[in-house]
């Protein structure tokens, strides 16, 4: 799925992801949940560089944990990189917002202004606060797992959340408890 052109946006729903959730889901073998839930996901060139799927031959995704799954998603066409000309400059309200999040939010706001229904997948606390303050709908990695279970794409969230933690992905005890209670696994 190629990134949508501005003329195609209308009331189209687009999902734009930051690097963290992609890396986390790829590391536990669950990146395809995004395809199953949303058909396609778009990232910015900055995020592509962060996860190693840009066109720099010195940065190869398959050398990073989960990188080959991310590269395969791009090759399959359901993970696309937005044209950098569609990403306006955005000054973050929060100084803790990194460049990948900044460009993700800029693209989301740009497409939202063009009439698209956007959803941003982001986990970082500063990034989530920035997205909320700008009125962008967000979903985190844990919520992706909840929705996947609700749609019967996975049998349980607990083992996947444990796997994320084993891979070094930070999930607070409170978040894990809340998710497991929500999906009746507490």
Protein backbone atom coordinates (compact mmCIF):
# COMPACT_ATOMS: atom_id res chain seq x y z
CA UNK A 1 0.00 0.00 0.00
CA UNK A 2 1.61 3.23 -1.09
CA UNK A 3 1.24 6.34 1.02
CA UNK A 4 -1.94 8.14 -0.06
CA UNK A 5 -1.75 11.17 -2.26
CA UNK A 6 -3.26 14.37 -0.83
CA UNK A 7 -6.10 14.18 -3.37
CA UNK A 8 -7.02 10.69 -2.12
CA UNK A 9 -7.28 11.59 1.54
CA UNK A 10 -10.89 12.84 1.74
CA UNK A 11 -12.40 10.80 4.57
CA UNK A 12 -9.83 8.03 4.20
CA UNK A 13 -8.46 6.54 7.41
CA UNK A 14 -4.69 6.56 7.58
CA UNK A 15 -2.50 5.02 10.25
CA UNK A 16 0.85 6.66 10.90
CA UNK A 17 3.35 4.99 13.21
CA UNK A 18 6.37 6.04 15.20
CA UNK A 19 9.41 3.78 15.35
CA UNK A 20 9.00 2.30 18.84
CA UNK A 21 5.77 0.35 18.30
CA UNK A 22 7.03 -1.03 14.98
CA UNK A 23 10.27 -2.21 16.52
CA UNK A 24 8.55 -3.69 19.57
CA UNK A 25 5.96 -5.60 17.57
CA UNK A 26 8.58 -6.79 15.09
CA UNK A 27 10.84 -8.09 17.85
CA UNK A 28 8.08 -10.35 19.17
CA UNK A 29 6.93 -11.54 15.76
CA UNK A 30 3.67 -9.56 15.79
CA UNK A 31 4.27 -6.80 13.25
CA UNK A 32 1.67 -8.35 10.93
CA UNK A 33 -1.00 -7.49 13.49
CA UNK A 34 -0.81 -3.94 12.16
CA UNK A 35 -1.52 -5.16 8.63
CA UNK A 36 -4.40 -7.32 9.87
CA UNK A 37 -5.92 -4.46 11.87
CA UNK A 38 -5.30 -1.51 9.56
CA UNK A 39 -4.38 -2.91 6.11
CA UNK A 40 -1.56 -0.41 5.84
CA UNK A 41 0.68 1.81 7.92
CA UNK A 42 2.62 4.88 6.88
CA UNK A 43 5.83 6.23 8.39
CA UNK A 44 7.92 9.29 7.72
CA UNK A 45 11.40 9.23 6.20
CA UNK A 46 12.83 10.15 9.61
CA UNK A 47 11.14 7.13 11.21
CA UNK A 48 12.30 4.95 8.30
CA UNK A 49 15.87 6.02 9.00
CA UNK A 50 15.43 5.31 12.72
CA UNK A 51 14.32 1.75 12.03
CA UNK A 52 16.80 1.17 9.23
CA UNK A 53 14.60 0.87 6.16
CA UNK A 54 15.67 4.03 4.43
CA UNK A 55 17.77 3.81 1.32
CA UNK A 56 21.12 4.24 3.09
CA UNK A 57 23.15 1.09 2.24
CA UNK A 58 25.13 1.47 5.47
CA UNK A 59 21.96 1.11 7.56
CA UNK A 60 20.31 -2.24 6.97
CA UNK A 61 17.19 -3.20 8.86
CA UNK A 62 18.00 -6.89 8.86
CA UNK A 63 20.98 -6.17 11.14
CA UNK A 64 18.67 -4.90 13.89
CA UNK A 65 16.35 -6.92 16.15
CA UNK A 66 13.02 -7.21 14.30
CA UNK A 67 14.53 -5.45 11.30
CA UNK A 68 13.91 -8.19 8.77
CA UNK A 69 10.17 -8.21 9.59
CA UNK A 70 10.04 -4.45 9.11
CA UNK A 71 11.92 -4.69 5.80
CA UNK A 72 9.53 -7.45 4.67
CA UNK A 73 6.51 -5.27 5.54
CA UNK A 74 7.92 -2.49 3.40
CA UNK A 75 8.66 -4.89 0.54
CA UNK A 76 5.12 -6.28 0.78
CA UNK A 77 3.79 -2.75 0.40
CA UNK A 78 1.68 -2.45 3.52
CA UNK A 79 4.31 -0.35 5.33
CA UNK A 80 4.95 2.75 3.27
CA UNK A 81 7.12 5.81 3.62
CA UNK A 82 5.40 9.16 3.08
CA UNK A 83 6.87 11.57 0.59
CA UNK A 84 9.00 13.95 2.64
CA UNK A 85 7.45 16.91 0.80
CA UNK A 86 4.18 16.10 2.61
CA UNK A 87 5.78 16.54 6.02
CA UNK A 88 5.66 20.20 7.05
CA UNK A 89 7.91 21.56 9.74
CA UNK A 90 6.44 21.32 13.21
CA UNK A 91 7.75 22.86 16.39
CA UNK A 92 6.90 20.48 19.23
CA UNK A 93 5.16 21.84 22.29
CA UNK A 94 7.11 19.40 24.45
CA UNK A 95 10.93 19.47 24.33
CA UNK A 96 11.02 15.70 24.95
CA UNK A 97 9.52 14.91 21.53
CA UNK A 98 12.11 13.33 19.24
CA UNK A 99 12.50 13.95 15.51
CA UNK A 100 10.63 10.78 14.51
CA UNK A 101 7.64 11.73 16.64
CA UNK A 102 7.81 15.33 15.42
CA UNK A 103 7.61 14.30 11.76
CA UNK A 104 4.93 11.69 12.54
CA UNK A 105 2.72 14.33 14.16
CA UNK A 106 3.43 16.84 11.40
CA UNK A 107 2.32 14.32 8.77
CA UNK A 108 -0.74 13.35 10.80
CA UNK A 109 -1.79 16.99 11.19
CA UNK A 110 -1.15 17.66 7.50
CA UNK A 111 -3.30 14.72 6.40
CA UNK A 112 -5.95 15.52 9.00
CA UNK A 113 -6.18 19.06 7.60
CA UNK A 114 -6.67 17.49 4.14
CA UNK A 115 -9.70 15.58 5.45
CA UNK A 116 -8.23 12.23 6.44
CA UNK A 117 -9.18 10.40 9.59
CA UNK A 118 -5.79 9.75 11.13
CA UNK A 119 -4.63 7.41 13.85
CA UNK A 120 -1.14 7.70 15.30
CA UNK A 121 0.59 4.70 16.85
CA UNK A 122 3.03 5.97 19.46
CA UNK A 123 4.22 4.81 22.87
CA UNK A 124 6.64 7.36 24.25
CA UNK A 125 5.11 9.36 27.11
CA UNK A 126 6.25 12.74 25.75
CA UNK A 127 5.04 11.81 22.28
CA UNK A 128 1.64 10.71 23.55
CA UNK A 129 1.25 13.97 25.47
CA UNK A 130 2.19 15.95 22.37
CA UNK A 131 -0.29 14.04 20.20
CA UNK A 132 -3.09 14.51 22.74
CA UNK A 133 -2.38 18.23 23.04
CA UNK A 134 -2.71 18.52 19.26
CA UNK A 135 -5.96 16.54 19.18
CA UNK A 136 -4.52 13.53 17.38
CA UNK A 137 -6.07 10.13 18.12
CA UNK A 138 -3.44 7.71 19.38
CA UNK A 139 -3.01 4.03 20.03
CA UNK A 140 -0.10 2.40 21.84
CA UNK A 141 1.49 -1.00 21.39
CA UNK A 142 -0.40 -2.48 24.35
CA UNK A 143 -3.68 -1.20 22.90
CA UNK A 144 -2.81 -2.79 19.56
CA UNK A 145 -2.58 -6.11 21.40
CA UNK A 146 -5.94 -5.48 23.11
CA UNK A 147 -7.65 -4.75 19.80
CA UNK A 148 -5.99 -7.79 18.22
CA UNK A 149 -7.33 -10.02 20.98
CA UNK A 150 -10.79 -8.46 20.73
CA UNK A 151 -10.76 -9.22 17.01
CA UNK A 152 -9.54 -12.76 17.75
CA UNK A 153 -6.25 -12.27 15.93
CA UNK A 154 -4.32 -13.46 18.98
CA UNK A 155 -5.40 -15.85 21.74
CA UNK A 156 -3.92 -13.86 24.65
CA UNK A 157 -2.14 -10.61 25.47
CA UNK A 158 -0.17 -11.71 28.54
CA UNK A 159 2.49 -13.77 26.74
CA UNK A 160 3.04 -11.04 24.17
CA UNK A 161 3.37 -8.34 26.81
CA UNK A 162 5.85 -10.56 28.65
CA UNK A 163 7.77 -11.03 25.39
CA UNK A 164 7.88 -7.26 24.86
CA UNK A 165 9.33 -6.83 28.33
CA UNK A 166 11.88 -9.59 27.69
CA UNK A 167 12.96 -7.68 24.58
CA UNK A 168 13.57 -4.61 26.72
CA UNK A 169 10.39 -2.77 25.76
CA UNK A 170 9.19 -0.72 28.72
CA UNK A 171 5.67 -1.46 29.90
CA UNK A 172 4.78 -0.27 33.39
CA UNK A 173 3.29 -2.71 35.86
CA UNK A 174 0.16 -0.55 35.96
CA UNK A 175 -0.25 -0.69 32.18
CA UNK A 176 0.22 -4.45 32.10
CA UNK A 177 -2.31 -4.92 34.91
CA UNK A 178 -4.84 -2.62 33.20
CA UNK A 179 -4.48 -4.40 29.86
CA UNK A 180 -4.79 -7.85 31.38
CA UNK A 181 -7.88 -6.77 33.33
CA UNK A 182 -9.43 -5.30 30.18
CA UNK A 183 -8.99 -8.56 28.25
CA UNK A 184 -9.99 -10.79 31.20
CA UNK A 185 -6.52 -12.23 31.70
CA UNK A 186 -5.89 -10.78 35.18
